Amino acid sequence: MKHLYLRIALLFVFFVLMAFVPDHFLMPEHFFLKKGDTLSLHLLLGENLSKDSEVPYAAKQTTKLMVYEGKKTTDLSKTIKNNAVPLLSYRPENNGLILVSLNNNEINEIPREDFMTFLTEQGYDNIAEKLKNSNALNFTEKYNRYLKTLVTVGDGGGNDYNKIVGDDFEITLKKNPYKLNYGEDLTATVTFKGKPYEGPVWLYIKTASGNVYPQQLSSDASGRIYANISREGIYMIRATKFEASKGKDADYESWVASYIFSFRNHDDEPNTYKEFGFGDKH
């Protein structure tokens, strides 16, 4: 019976986290493209690189959708139709790296008791303590998402992997992941409003078997993290920040930054949307 209660408690915590930290991420149908191929990109909802559903393009919630390829920058935020699925279909002009950056936000209303539980589970005891005597039945939280995905066309050359796009919460790679070898280290930098972010950062690796390997990292005073390229698969670096809102449109505000790329040690390794279990696209 004790084990049953523990399982129920853990399940409850899981659903609380699902409710208050919705994970959106950008997933291409192929990470390794050839010149002339079309980049098809999906916006997915799910936890830890596992797809629960696909999110159609929401023009009102999107504040930026940019494609960077070498010296060319393309703003697609006003040209994509509302509710588009997949998010975009884009034909690159040249070989090299392509970085896609999407920013969106939304405001949700959260029941008081659920919110208090969330604060405690996430370690925000100071905020929970301040709210104990509040008479509010609900709280509002604003989610700000800053999502990046990096794909390669042909040889994968170029410097778009470390492009700073000016997001409030931003992850930038310091090495080209498509030029790394098995066992090498990857360095990334996390900044919040232009300053180094020091705190927990998660790395998720999803292999073609469907297994996801999470690893908690910690950025240093300069905002840097170091990760080992240890498996073939899809990599996602993800950081979150939460605090009382300084604006009037919500009580609390959270920021999520993620950066997705792929690594394969051999040319015949899986690299497609279907092979990693995201859908029937190949």
C-alpha atoms as a PDB file:
ATOM      1  CA  MET A   1       0.000   0.000   0.000  1.00  0.00           C
ATOM      2  CA  LYS A   2       2.888   2.347   0.825  1.00  0.00           C
ATOM      3  CA  HIS A   3       4.327   1.831  -2.660  1.00  0.00           C
ATOM      4  CA  LEU A   4       0.909   2.492  -4.197  1.00  0.00           C
ATOM      5  CA  TYR A   5       0.632   5.843  -2.403  1.00  0.00           C
ATOM      6  CA  LEU A   6       4.134   6.738  -3.558  1.00  0.00           C
ATOM      7  CA  ARG A   7       3.262   5.928  -7.162  1.00  0.00           C
ATOM      8  CA  ILE A   8       0.091   8.024  -6.940  1.00  0.00           C
ATOM      9  CA  ALA A   9       2.035  10.924  -5.448  1.00  0.00           C
ATOM     10  CA  LEU A  10       4.666  10.753  -8.172  1.00  0.00           C
ATOM     11  CA  LEU A  11       1.947  10.578 -10.821  1.00  0.00           C
ATOM     12  CA  PHE A  12       0.307  13.660  -9.331  1.00  0.00           C
ATOM     13  CA  VAL A  13       3.595  15.558  -9.408  1.00  0.00           C
ATOM     14  CA  PHE A  14       4.035  14.529 -13.046  1.00  0.00           C
ATOM     15  CA  PHE A  15       0.640  15.937 -14.042  1.00  0.00           C
ATOM     16  CA  VAL A  16       1.279  19.124 -12.071  1.00  0.00           C
ATOM     17  CA  LEU A  17       4.499  19.652 -14.001  1.00  0.00           C
ATOM     18  CA  MET A  18       2.701  18.910 -17.260  1.00  0.00           C
ATOM     19  CA  ALA A  19       0.069  21.512 -16.411  1.00  0.00           C
ATOM     20  CA  PHE A  20       2.440  24.323 -15.517  1.00  0.00           C
ATOM     21  CA  VAL A  21       5.468  23.749 -17.696  1.00  0.00           C
ATOM     22  CA  PRO A  22       4.043  22.941 -21.143  1.00  0.00           C
ATOM     23  CA  ASP A  23       6.919  22.002 -23.413  1.00  0.00           C
ATOM     24  CA  HIS A  24       6.819  23.280 -26.979  1.00  0.00           C
ATOM     25  CA  PHE A  25       9.684  22.295 -29.234  1.00  0.00           C
ATOM     26  CA  LEU A  26      10.597  22.631 -32.907  1.00  0.00           C
ATOM     27  CA  MET A  27      11.099  19.318 -34.695  1.00  0.00           C
ATOM     28  CA  PRO A  28      12.164  19.049 -38.347  1.00  0.00           C
ATOM     29  CA  GLU A  29      11.205  16.047 -40.445  1.00  0.00           C
ATOM     30  CA  HIS A  30      14.899  15.727 -41.380  1.00  0.00           C
ATOM     31  CA  PHE A  31      17.976  17.152 -39.693  1.00  0.00           C
ATOM     32  CA  PHE A  32      20.320  16.212 -42.541  1.00  0.00           C
ATOM     33  CA  LEU A  33      19.129  17.721 -45.818  1.00  0.00           C
ATOM     34  CA  LYS A  34      20.531  17.749 -49.313  1.00  0.00           C
ATOM     35  CA  LYS A  35      20.535  20.796 -51.546  1.00  0.00           C
ATOM     36  CA  GLY A  36      17.085  21.108 -53.123  1.00  0.00           C
ATOM     37  CA  ASP A  37      15.295  19.383 -50.221  1.00  0.00           C
ATOM     38  CA  THR A  38      12.463  21.120 -48.379  1.00  0.00           C
ATOM     39  CA  LEU A  39      12.770  21.844 -44.674  1.00  0.00           C
ATOM     40  CA  SER A  40       9.488  20.808 -43.039  1.00  0.00           C
ATOM     41  CA  LEU A  41       9.282  21.906 -39.428  1.00  0.00           C
ATOM     42  CA  HIS A  42       6.693  20.932 -36.800  1.00  0.00           C
ATOM     43  CA  LEU A  43       5.820  22.640 -33.525  1.00  0.00           C
ATOM     44  CA  LEU A  44       5.150  19.880 -31.003  1.00  0.00           C
ATOM     45  CA  LEU A  45       3.747  19.755 -27.492  1.00  0.00           C
ATOM     46  CA  GLY A  46       5.091  17.170 -25.069  1.00  0.00           C
ATOM     47  CA  GLU A  47       7.490  16.455 -22.273  1.00  0.00           C
ATOM     48  CA  ASN A  48      11.130  15.452 -22.562  1.00  0.00           C
ATOM     49  CA  LEU A  49      11.196  15.170 -26.366  1.00  0.00           C
ATOM     50  CA  SER A  50       8.094  12.983 -26.416  1.00  0.00           C
ATOM     51  CA  LYS A  51       5.256  14.142 -28.665  1.00  0.00           C
ATOM     52  CA  ASP A  52       1.780  14.443 -27.154  1.00  0.00           C
ATOM     53  CA  SER A  53       0.280  16.538 -29.934  1.00  0.00           C
ATOM     54  CA  GLU A  54       1.111  18.931 -32.747  1.00  0.00           C
ATOM     55  CA  VAL A  55       0.581  22.651 -32.243  1.00  0.00           C
ATOM     56  CA  PRO A  56      -0.735  24.604 -35.251  1.00  0.00           C
ATOM     57  CA  TYR A  57       0.741  27.995 -36.007  1.00  0.00           C
ATOM     58  CA  ALA A  58      -0.864  30.656 -33.790  1.00  0.00           C
ATOM     59  CA  ALA A  59      -0.265  34.056 -35.339  1.00  0.00           C
ATOM     60  CA  LYS A  60      -1.528  36.031 -32.316  1.00  0.00           C
ATOM     61  CA  GLN A  61       0.779  34.215 -29.903  1.00  0.00           C
ATOM     62  CA  THR A  62       3.850  34.292 -32.140  1.00  0.00           C
ATOM     63  CA  THR A  63       6.191  37.242 -31.703  1.00  0.00           C
ATOM     64  CA  LYS A  64       8.991  35.981 -33.953  1.00  0.00           C
ATOM     65  CA  LEU A  65       9.628  33.286 -36.536  1.00  0.00           C
ATOM     66  CA  MET A  66      12.954  33.677 -38.312  1.00  0.00           C
ATOM     67  CA  VAL A  67      15.127  31.520 -40.571  1.00  0.00           C
ATOM     68  CA  TYR A  68      18.877  32.189 -40.597  1.00  0.00           C
ATOM     69  CA  GLU A  69      21.094  30.691 -43.302  1.00  0.00           C
ATOM     70  CA  GLY A  70      24.476  32.322 -43.718  1.00  0.00           C
ATOM     71  CA  LYS A  71      24.041  36.000 -44.539  1.00  0.00           C
ATOM     72  CA  LYS A  72      20.361  35.552 -45.385  1.00  0.00           C
ATOM     73  CA  THR A  73      17.663  36.213 -42.776  1.00  0.00           C
ATOM     74  CA  THR A  74      14.012  35.487 -43.539  1.00  0.00           C
ATOM     75  CA  ASP A  75      11.090  36.691 -41.410  1.00  0.00           C
ATOM     76  CA  LEU A  76       8.195  34.244 -41.778  1.00  0.00           C
ATOM     77  CA  SER A  77       6.004  35.443 -38.890  1.00  0.00           C
ATOM     78  CA  LYS A  78       3.633  37.381 -41.181  1.00  0.00           C
ATOM     79  CA  THR A  79       3.633  35.058 -44.183  1.00  0.00           C
ATOM     80  CA  ILE A  80       2.595  31.740 -42.607  1.00  0.00           C
ATOM     81  CA  LYS A  81      -1.148  31.165 -42.454  1.00  0.00           C
ATOM     82  CA  ASN A  82      -2.789  30.878 -39.061  1.00  0.00           C
ATOM     83  CA  ASN A  83      -3.299  27.234 -37.945  1.00  0.00           C
ATOM     84  CA  ALA A  84      -0.717  25.990 -40.457  1.00  0.00           C
ATOM     85  CA  VAL A  85       0.497  22.401 -39.942  1.00  0.00           C
ATOM     86  CA  PRO A  86       3.366  21.752 -40.283  1.00  0.00           C
ATOM     87  CA  LEU A  87       4.636  25.044 -38.960  1.00  0.00           C
ATOM     88  CA  LEU A  88       6.633  25.781 -42.088  1.00  0.00           C
ATOM     89  CA  SER A  89       7.857  24.285 -45.341  1.00  0.00           C
ATOM     90  CA  TYR A  90      10.975  26.090 -46.506  1.00  0.00           C
ATOM     91  CA  ARG A  91      13.396  25.388 -49.347  1.00  0.00           C
ATOM     92  CA  PRO A  92      16.993  26.418 -48.531  1.00  0.00           C
ATOM     93  CA  GLU A  93      19.033  28.039 -51.273  1.00  0.00           C
ATOM     94  CA  ASN A  94      22.519  26.803 -50.392  1.00  0.00           C
ATOM     95  CA  ASN A  95      24.497  24.215 -48.478  1.00  0.00           C
ATOM     96  CA  GLY A  96      25.294  24.937 -44.842  1.00  0.00           C
ATOM     97  CA  LEU A  97      23.565  25.319 -41.513  1.00  0.00           C
ATOM     98  CA  ILE A  98      20.017  26.603 -41.064  1.00  0.00           C
ATOM     99  CA  LEU A  99      18.861  28.013 -37.737  1.00  0.00           C
ATOM    100  CA  VAL A 100      15.136  28.489 -37.087  1.00  0.00           C
ATOM    101  CA  SER A 101      14.064  30.662 -34.154  1.00  0.00           C
ATOM    102  CA  LEU A 102      10.485  30.872 -32.845  1.00  0.00           C
ATOM    103  CA  ASN A 103       9.190  33.046 -30.001  1.00  0.00           C
ATOM    104  CA  ASN A 104       5.656  32.773 -28.651  1.00  0.00           C
ATOM    105  CA  ASN A 105       3.755  33.481 -25.448  1.00  0.00           C
ATOM    106  CA  GLU A 106       0.433  32.786 -23.774  1.00  0.00           C
ATOM    107  CA  ILE A 107      -1.359  33.577 -20.507  1.00  0.00           C
ATOM    108  CA  ASN A 108      -3.117  30.840 -18.525  1.00  0.00           C
ATOM    109  CA  GLU A 109      -5.278  30.928 -15.420  1.00  0.00           C
ATOM    110  CA  ILE A 110      -4.302  28.449 -12.687  1.00  0.00           C
ATOM    111  CA  PRO A 111      -6.435  27.328  -9.676  1.00  0.00           C
ATOM    112  CA  ARG A 112      -4.949  28.443  -6.365  1.00  0.00           C
ATOM    113  CA  GLU A 113      -4.384  24.991  -4.836  1.00  0.00           C
ATOM    114  CA  ASP A 114      -2.755  23.603  -7.960  1.00  0.00           C
ATOM    115  CA  PHE A 115      -0.503  26.627  -8.179  1.00  0.00           C
ATOM    116  CA  MET A 116       0.588  26.354  -4.535  1.00  0.00           C
ATOM    117  CA  THR A 117       1.473  22.704  -5.055  1.00  0.00           C
ATOM    118  CA  PHE A 118       3.439  23.570  -8.167  1.00  0.00           C
ATOM    119  CA  LEU A 119       5.439  26.255  -6.324  1.00  0.00           C
ATOM    120  CA  THR A 120       6.350  23.864  -3.532  1.00  0.00           C
ATOM    121  CA  GLU A 121       7.321  21.022  -5.866  1.00  0.00           C
ATOM    122  CA  GLN A 122       9.496  23.348  -7.957  1.00  0.00           C
ATOM    123  CA  GLY A 123      11.314  24.752  -4.925  1.00  0.00           C
ATOM    124  CA  TYR A 124       9.761  28.232  -4.973  1.00  0.00           C
ATOM    125  CA  ASP A 125       9.041  28.136  -1.239  1.00  0.00           C
ATOM    126  CA  ASN A 126       9.568  31.879  -0.841  1.00  0.00           C
ATOM    127  CA  ILE A 127       6.778  32.656  -3.309  1.00  0.00           C
ATOM    128  CA  ALA A 128       4.488  29.995  -1.819  1.00  0.00           C
ATOM    129  CA  GLU A 129       5.009  31.499   1.644  1.00  0.00           C
ATOM    130  CA  LYS A 130       3.949  34.946   0.423  1.00  0.00           C
ATOM    131  CA  LEU A 131       0.753  33.527  -1.090  1.00  0.00           C
ATOM    132  CA  LYS A 132      -0.422  31.592   1.975  1.00  0.00           C
ATOM    133  CA  ASN A 133      -2.644  34.430   3.151  1.00  0.00           C
ATOM    134  CA  SER A 134      -3.903  35.393  -0.297  1.00  0.00           C
ATOM    135  CA  ASN A 135      -7.652  35.183  -0.903  1.00  0.00           C
ATOM    136  CA  ALA A 136      -7.283  34.756  -4.661  1.00  0.00           C
ATOM    137  CA  LEU A 137      -9.027  31.710  -6.114  1.00  0.00           C
ATOM    138  CA  ASN A 138      -6.868  31.705  -9.252  1.00  0.00           C
ATOM    139  CA  PHE A 139      -3.549  33.054 -10.447  1.00  0.00           C
ATOM    140  CA  THR A 140      -2.441  33.949 -13.931  1.00  0.00           C
ATOM    141  CA  GLU A 141       0.888  32.966 -15.420  1.00  0.00           C
ATOM    142  CA  LYS A 142       2.480  34.212 -18.612  1.00  0.00           C
ATOM    143  CA  TYR A 143       4.614  31.732 -20.556  1.00  0.00           C
ATOM    144  CA  ASN A 144       7.380  33.082 -22.795  1.00  0.00           C
ATOM    145  CA  ARG A 145       9.020  30.547 -25.117  1.00  0.00           C
ATOM    146  CA  TYR A 146      12.237  30.981 -27.091  1.00  0.00           C
ATOM    147  CA  LEU A 147      12.765  27.957 -29.305  1.00  0.00           C
ATOM    148  CA  LYS A 148      15.628  27.159 -31.676  1.00  0.00           C
ATOM    149  CA  THR A 149      16.361  24.280 -34.035  1.00  0.00           C
ATOM    150  CA  LEU A 150      19.488  23.724 -36.113  1.00  0.00           C
ATOM    151  CA  VAL A 151      19.584  21.581 -39.269  1.00  0.00           C
ATOM    152  CA  THR A 152      22.262  21.065 -41.896  1.00  0.00           C
ATOM    153  CA  VAL A 153      22.174  21.104 -45.684  1.00  0.00           C
ATOM    154  CA  GLY A 154      25.024  19.276 -47.410  1.00  0.00           C
ATOM    155  CA  ASP A 155      28.353  19.697 -45.644  1.00  0.00           C
ATOM    156  CA  GLY A 156      26.965  21.517 -42.599  1.00  0.00           C
ATOM    157  CA  GLY A 157      29.446  24.369 -42.746  1.00  0.00           C
ATOM    158  CA  GLY A 158      28.891  27.925 -41.532  1.00  0.00           C
ATOM    159  CA  ASN A 159      28.536  29.716 -38.227  1.00  0.00           C
ATOM    160  CA  ASP A 160      24.786  29.892 -37.691  1.00  0.00           C
ATOM    161  CA  TYR A 161      25.086  27.485 -34.747  1.00  0.00           C
ATOM    162  CA  ASN A 162      26.395  30.359 -32.594  1.00  0.00           C
ATOM    163  CA  LYS A 163      24.194  33.142 -33.947  1.00  0.00           C
ATOM    164  CA  ILE A 164      22.887  35.461 -31.229  1.00  0.00           C
ATOM    165  CA  VAL A 165      19.329  36.425 -32.201  1.00  0.00           C
ATOM    166  CA  GLY A 166      18.641  38.740 -29.248  1.00  0.00           C
ATOM    167  CA  ASP A 167      16.008  36.721 -27.371  1.00  0.00           C
ATOM    168  CA  ASP A 168      15.303  37.557 -23.719  1.00  0.00           C
ATOM    169  CA  PHE A 169      16.178  33.961 -22.816  1.00  0.00           C
ATOM    170  CA  GLU A 170      18.649  32.472 -25.260  1.00  0.00           C
ATOM    171  CA  ILE A 171      20.801  29.389 -25.725  1.00  0.00           C
ATOM    172  CA  THR A 172      23.749  29.648 -28.100  1.00  0.00           C
ATOM    173  CA  LEU A 173      26.099  26.847 -29.142  1.00  0.00           C
ATOM    174  CA  LYS A 174      29.834  27.489 -29.149  1.00  0.00           C
ATOM    175  CA  LYS A 175      30.681  24.530 -31.389  1.00  0.00           C
ATOM    176  CA  ASN A 176      29.076  23.212 -34.552  1.00  0.00           C
ATOM    177  CA  PRO A 177      27.340  19.963 -33.466  1.00  0.00           C
ATOM    178  CA  TYR A 178      27.372  18.660 -37.056  1.00  0.00           C
ATOM    179  CA  LYS A 179      31.172  18.801 -37.084  1.00  0.00           C
ATOM    180  CA  LEU A 180      31.700  17.030 -33.763  1.00  0.00           C
ATOM    181  CA  ASN A 181      32.915  13.479 -33.341  1.00  0.00           C
ATOM    182  CA  TYR A 182      31.644  10.852 -30.938  1.00  0.00           C
ATOM    183  CA  GLY A 183      32.859  11.520 -27.380  1.00  0.00           C
ATOM    184  CA  GLU A 184      33.688  15.185 -27.914  1.00  0.00           C
ATOM    185  CA  ASP A 185      32.327  17.939 -25.707  1.00  0.00           C
ATOM    186  CA  LEU A 186      29.821  20.572 -26.776  1.00  0.00           C
ATOM    187  CA  THR A 187      29.819  23.997 -25.134  1.00  0.00           C
ATOM    188  CA  ALA A 188      26.750  26.239 -24.973  1.00  0.00           C
ATOM    189  CA  THR A 189      25.963  29.586 -23.375  1.00  0.00           C
ATOM    190  CA  VAL A 190      22.683  30.591 -21.722  1.00  0.00           C
ATOM    191  CA  THR A 191      21.766  34.256 -21.250  1.00  0.00           C
ATOM    192  CA  PHE A 192      18.768  35.982 -19.680  1.00  0.00           C
ATOM    193  CA  LYS A 193      18.091  39.514 -20.912  1.00  0.00           C
ATOM    194  CA  GLY A 194      21.627  39.775 -22.205  1.00  0.00           C
ATOM    195  CA  LYS A 195      23.370  38.628 -19.014  1.00  0.00           C
ATOM    196  CA  PRO A 196      24.822  35.188 -18.198  1.00  0.00           C
ATOM    197  CA  TYR A 197      22.267  32.816 -16.708  1.00  0.00           C
ATOM    198  CA  GLU A 198      23.596  30.744 -13.799  1.00  0.00           C
ATOM    199  CA  GLY A 199      21.355  27.855 -12.826  1.00  0.00           C
ATOM    200  CA  PRO A 200      20.027  24.408 -13.756  1.00  0.00           C
ATOM    201  CA  VAL A 201      19.911  23.453 -17.437  1.00  0.00           C
ATOM    202  CA  TRP A 202      18.602  20.148 -18.796  1.00  0.00           C
ATOM    203  CA  LEU A 203      19.966  18.083 -21.651  1.00  0.00           C
ATOM    204  CA  TYR A 204      17.715  15.467 -23.275  1.00  0.00           C
ATOM    205  CA  ILE A 205      18.949  12.904 -25.793  1.00  0.00           C
ATOM    206  CA  LYS A 206      16.398  10.840 -27.696  1.00  0.00           C
ATOM    207  CA  THR A 207      17.695   7.794 -29.545  1.00  0.00           C
ATOM    208  CA  ALA A 208      16.057   5.931 -32.414  1.00  0.00           C
ATOM    209  CA  SER A 209      14.973   3.231 -29.937  1.00  0.00           C
ATOM    210  CA  GLY A 210      12.591   5.793 -28.418  1.00  0.00           C
ATOM    211  CA  ASN A 211      14.520   6.054 -25.159  1.00  0.00           C
ATOM    212  CA  VAL A 212      15.134   9.524 -23.758  1.00  0.00           C
ATOM    213  CA  TYR A 213      18.209  10.155 -21.593  1.00  0.00           C
ATOM    214  CA  PRO A 214      17.844  13.271 -19.420  1.00  0.00           C
ATOM    215  CA  GLN A 215      20.809  14.901 -17.733  1.00  0.00           C
ATOM    216  CA  GLN A 216      20.754  17.877 -15.385  1.00  0.00           C
ATOM    217  CA  LEU A 217      23.583  20.311 -16.003  1.00  0.00           C
ATOM    218  CA  SER A 218      24.400  23.604 -14.356  1.00  0.00           C
ATOM    219  CA  SER A 219      25.548  26.755 -16.090  1.00  0.00           C
ATOM    220  CA  ASP A 220      28.433  28.585 -14.464  1.00  0.00           C
ATOM    221  CA  ALA A 221      28.828  32.288 -13.675  1.00  0.00           C
ATOM    222  CA  SER A 222      29.557  32.985 -17.343  1.00  0.00           C
ATOM    223  CA  GLY A 223      26.397  31.148 -18.407  1.00  0.00           C
ATOM    224  CA  ARG A 224      28.314  28.237 -19.945  1.00  0.00           C
ATOM    225  CA  ILE A 225      27.435  24.564 -19.886  1.00  0.00           C
ATOM    226  CA  TYR A 226      29.439  21.584 -21.119  1.00  0.00           C
ATOM    227  CA  ALA A 227      27.883  18.409 -22.494  1.00  0.00           C
ATOM    228  CA  ASN A 228      29.400  15.252 -23.906  1.00  0.00           C
ATOM    229  CA  ILE A 229      28.277  13.988 -27.311  1.00  0.00           C
ATOM    230  CA  SER A 230      27.810  10.398 -26.197  1.00  0.00           C
ATOM    231  CA  ARG A 231      24.946   8.993 -28.298  1.00  0.00           C
ATOM    232  CA  GLU A 232      23.490   9.213 -31.773  1.00  0.00           C
ATOM    233  CA  GLY A 233      20.129  10.923 -31.640  1.00  0.00           C
ATOM    234  CA  ILE A 234      18.243  14.150 -31.126  1.00  0.00           C
ATOM    235  CA  TYR A 235      19.624  16.576 -28.550  1.00  0.00           C
ATOM    236  CA  MET A 236      17.624  19.242 -26.730  1.00  0.00           C
ATOM    237  CA  ILE A 237      19.169  21.770 -24.335  1.00  0.00           C
ATOM    238  CA  ARG A 238      16.446  23.381 -22.219  1.00  0.00           C
ATOM    239  CA  ALA A 239      16.403  26.013 -19.470  1.00  0.00           C
ATOM    240  CA  THR A 240      13.520  27.557 -17.503  1.00  0.00           C
ATOM    241  CA  LYS A 241      13.108  30.588 -15.277  1.00  0.00           C
ATOM    242  CA  PHE A 242      10.142  31.591 -13.098  1.00  0.00           C
ATOM    243  CA  GLU A 243       9.381  34.673 -10.993  1.00  0.00           C
ATOM    244  CA  ALA A 244       6.675  37.105  -9.935  1.00  0.00           C
ATOM    245  CA  SER A 245       5.583  39.210 -12.878  1.00  0.00           C
ATOM    246  CA  LYS A 246       6.663  42.837 -13.049  1.00  0.00           C
ATOM    247  CA  GLY A 247       3.878  43.571 -15.545  1.00  0.00           C
ATOM    248  CA  LYS A 248       0.129  43.967 -15.073  1.00  0.00           C
ATOM    249  CA  ASP A 249      -1.057  41.257 -17.459  1.00  0.00           C
ATOM    250  CA  ALA A 250      -0.195  38.305 -15.185  1.00  0.00           C
ATOM    251  CA  ASP A 251       0.655  37.456 -11.577  1.00  0.00           C
ATOM    252  CA  TYR A 252       3.667  35.325 -12.463  1.00  0.00           C
ATOM    253  CA  GLU A 253       5.868  34.842 -15.465  1.00  0.00           C
ATOM    254  CA  SER A 254       7.971  31.986 -16.789  1.00  0.00           C
ATOM    255  CA  TRP A 255      10.550  31.796 -19.542  1.00  0.00           C
ATOM    256  CA  VAL A 256      11.583  28.677 -21.454  1.00  0.00           C
ATOM    257  CA  ALA A 257      14.508  28.440 -23.859  1.00  0.00           C
ATOM    258  CA  SER A 258      15.348  25.350 -25.897  1.00  0.00           C
ATOM    259  CA  TYR A 259      17.821  24.420 -28.633  1.00  0.00           C
ATOM    260  CA  ILE A 260      17.465  21.238 -30.702  1.00  0.00           C
ATOM    261  CA  PHE A 261      19.934  19.574 -33.064  1.00  0.00           C
ATOM    262  CA  SER A 262      20.951  16.071 -34.066  1.00  0.00           C
ATOM    263  CA  PHE A 263      24.117  13.996 -33.940  1.00  0.00           C
ATOM    264  CA  ARG A 264      25.010  10.877 -35.873  1.00  0.00           C
ATOM    265  CA  ASN A 265      28.301   9.065 -35.954  1.00  0.00           C
ATOM    266  CA  HIS A 266      27.651   7.352 -39.301  1.00  0.00           C
ATOM    267  CA  ASP A 267      25.792   8.403 -42.437  1.00  0.00           C
ATOM    268  CA  ASP A 268      23.335   5.516 -42.152  1.00  0.00           C
ATOM    269  CA  GLU A 269      22.138   6.442 -38.645  1.00  0.00           C
ATOM    270  CA  PRO A 270      18.415   7.352 -38.289  1.00  0.00           C
ATOM    271  CA  ASN A 271      17.696  11.046 -38.627  1.00  0.00           C
ATOM    272  CA  THR A 272      14.046  11.442 -39.623  1.00  0.00           C
ATOM    273  CA  TYR A 273      10.810  12.458 -37.902  1.00  0.00           C
ATOM    274  CA  LYS A 274       9.318   8.982 -38.328  1.00  0.00           C
ATOM    275  CA  GLU A 275      12.360   7.036 -37.152  1.00  0.00           C
ATOM    276  CA  PHE A 276      12.345   8.892 -33.847  1.00  0.00           C
ATOM    277  CA  GLY A 277       8.662   8.260 -33.239  1.00  0.00           C
ATOM    278  CA  PHE A 278       7.183  11.714 -33.894  1.00  0.00           C
ATOM    279  CA  GLY A 279       4.767  10.703 -36.655  1.00  0.00           C
ATOM    280  CA  ASP A 280       4.379   9.098 -40.076  1.00  0.00           C
ATOM    281  CA  LYS A 281       6.470  11.651 -41.980  1.00  0.00           C
ATOM    282  CA  HIS A 282       9.685  10.274 -43.464  1.00  0.00           C
END
